[in-house]
Amino acid sequence: MSHNLTLAQNHAFDLARTLMVPVILFQVDDEFGVMLSSEYDGEHDAIVHEYDPWSSAH
């Protein structure tokens, strides 16, 4: 988990591009985490962004 949103965003994007799978960037309290989209079962409201390596938008 990270307290820095910019750092978490960069890691999420890099992870998605490295693994070539969609990942979710989520926030719990004041921390950010990243995990595979297929494994995320948390609150929908906690999702900050989904990074899809197959999409051209970042």
C-alpha atoms as a PDB file:
ATOM      1  CA  MET A   1       0.000   0.000   0.000  1.00  0.00           C
ATOM      2  CA  SER A   2       1.132   3.524  -0.743  1.00  0.00           C
ATOM      3  CA  HIS A   3       0.176   6.947   0.582  1.00  0.00           C
ATOM      4  CA  ASN A   4       1.296   8.622  -2.656  1.00  0.00           C
ATOM      5  CA  LEU A   5      -1.341   8.612  -5.429  1.00  0.00           C
ATOM      6  CA  THR A   6       1.111   9.475  -8.217  1.00  0.00           C
ATOM      7  CA  LEU A   7       3.455   6.664  -7.210  1.00  0.00           C
ATOM      8  CA  ALA A   8       0.550   4.204  -6.977  1.00  0.00           C
ATOM      9  CA  GLN A   9      -0.733   5.268 -10.418  1.00  0.00           C
ATOM     10  CA  ASN A  10       2.701   4.774 -11.984  1.00  0.00           C
ATOM     11  CA  HIS A  11       3.098   1.341 -10.398  1.00  0.00           C
ATOM     12  CA  ALA A  12      -0.408   0.282 -11.456  1.00  0.00           C
ATOM     13  CA  PHE A  13       0.183   1.317 -15.066  1.00  0.00           C
ATOM     14  CA  ASP A  14       3.602  -0.385 -15.151  1.00  0.00           C
ATOM     15  CA  LEU A  15       2.185  -3.568 -13.616  1.00  0.00           C
ATOM     16  CA  ALA A  16      -0.652  -3.724 -16.129  1.00  0.00           C
ATOM     17  CA  ARG A  17       1.787  -3.255 -19.025  1.00  0.00           C
ATOM     18  CA  THR A  18       4.283  -5.776 -17.639  1.00  0.00           C
ATOM     19  CA  LEU A  19       1.741  -8.519 -16.905  1.00  0.00           C
ATOM     20  CA  MET A  20      -0.518  -7.527 -19.838  1.00  0.00           C
ATOM     21  CA  VAL A  21      -3.614  -7.904 -17.671  1.00  0.00           C
ATOM     22  CA  PRO A  22      -6.056  -5.278 -16.335  1.00  0.00           C
ATOM     23  CA  VAL A  23      -5.314  -4.079 -12.803  1.00  0.00           C
ATOM     24  CA  ILE A  24      -7.334  -2.026 -10.334  1.00  0.00           C
ATOM     25  CA  LEU A  25      -5.987   0.909  -8.363  1.00  0.00           C
ATOM     26  CA  PHE A  26      -8.074   1.223  -5.205  1.00  0.00           C
ATOM     27  CA  GLN A  27      -8.096   3.365  -2.088  1.00  0.00           C
ATOM     28  CA  VAL A  28      -8.730   2.253   1.482  1.00  0.00           C
ATOM     29  CA  ASP A  29      -8.727   5.089   4.008  1.00  0.00           C
ATOM     30  CA  ASP A  30      -5.656   7.139   3.027  1.00  0.00           C
ATOM     31  CA  GLU A  31      -3.699   4.341   1.309  1.00  0.00           C
ATOM     32  CA  PHE A  32      -3.687   3.076  -2.268  1.00  0.00           C
ATOM     33  CA  GLY A  33      -3.296  -0.504  -3.463  1.00  0.00           C
ATOM     34  CA  VAL A  34      -3.098  -2.342  -6.773  1.00  0.00           C
ATOM     35  CA  MET A  35      -4.324  -5.806  -7.703  1.00  0.00           C
ATOM     36  CA  LEU A  36      -5.495  -7.799 -10.679  1.00  0.00           C
ATOM     37  CA  SER A  37      -8.960  -6.740 -11.792  1.00  0.00           C
ATOM     38  CA  SER A  38     -10.082 -10.358 -11.951  1.00  0.00           C
ATOM     39  CA  GLU A  39      -9.260 -10.838  -8.258  1.00  0.00           C
ATOM     40  CA  TYR A  40     -10.709  -7.608  -6.891  1.00  0.00           C
ATOM     41  CA  ASP A  41     -13.846  -8.164  -4.834  1.00  0.00           C
ATOM     42  CA  GLY A  42     -13.821  -5.015  -2.750  1.00  0.00           C
ATOM     43  CA  GLU A  43     -16.096  -2.002  -2.735  1.00  0.00           C
ATOM     44  CA  HIS A  44     -16.810  -0.521  -6.151  1.00  0.00           C
ATOM     45  CA  ASP A  45     -16.582   2.969  -4.616  1.00  0.00           C
ATOM     46  CA  ALA A  46     -12.980   2.267  -3.546  1.00  0.00           C
ATOM     47  CA  ILE A  47     -11.781   1.910  -7.145  1.00  0.00           C
ATOM     48  CA  VAL A  48      -9.738   4.898  -8.289  1.00  0.00           C
ATOM     49  CA  HIS A  49      -8.978   3.599 -11.788  1.00  0.00           C
ATOM     50  CA  GLU A  50      -8.695   0.417 -13.829  1.00  0.00           C
ATOM     51  CA  TYR A  51      -5.623   0.132 -16.033  1.00  0.00           C
ATOM     52  CA  ASP A  52      -6.133  -2.012 -19.119  1.00  0.00           C
ATOM     53  CA  PRO A  53      -2.928  -2.692 -21.079  1.00  0.00           C
ATOM     54  CA  TRP A  54      -4.945  -3.369 -24.237  1.00  0.00           C
ATOM     55  CA  SER A  55      -6.545   0.073 -24.152  1.00  0.00           C
ATOM     56  CA  SER A  56      -4.742   3.002 -25.751  1.00  0.00           C
ATOM     57  CA  ALA A  57      -5.975   5.440 -23.049  1.00  0.00           C
ATOM     58  CA  HIS A  58      -3.901   5.894 -19.884  1.00  0.00           C
END
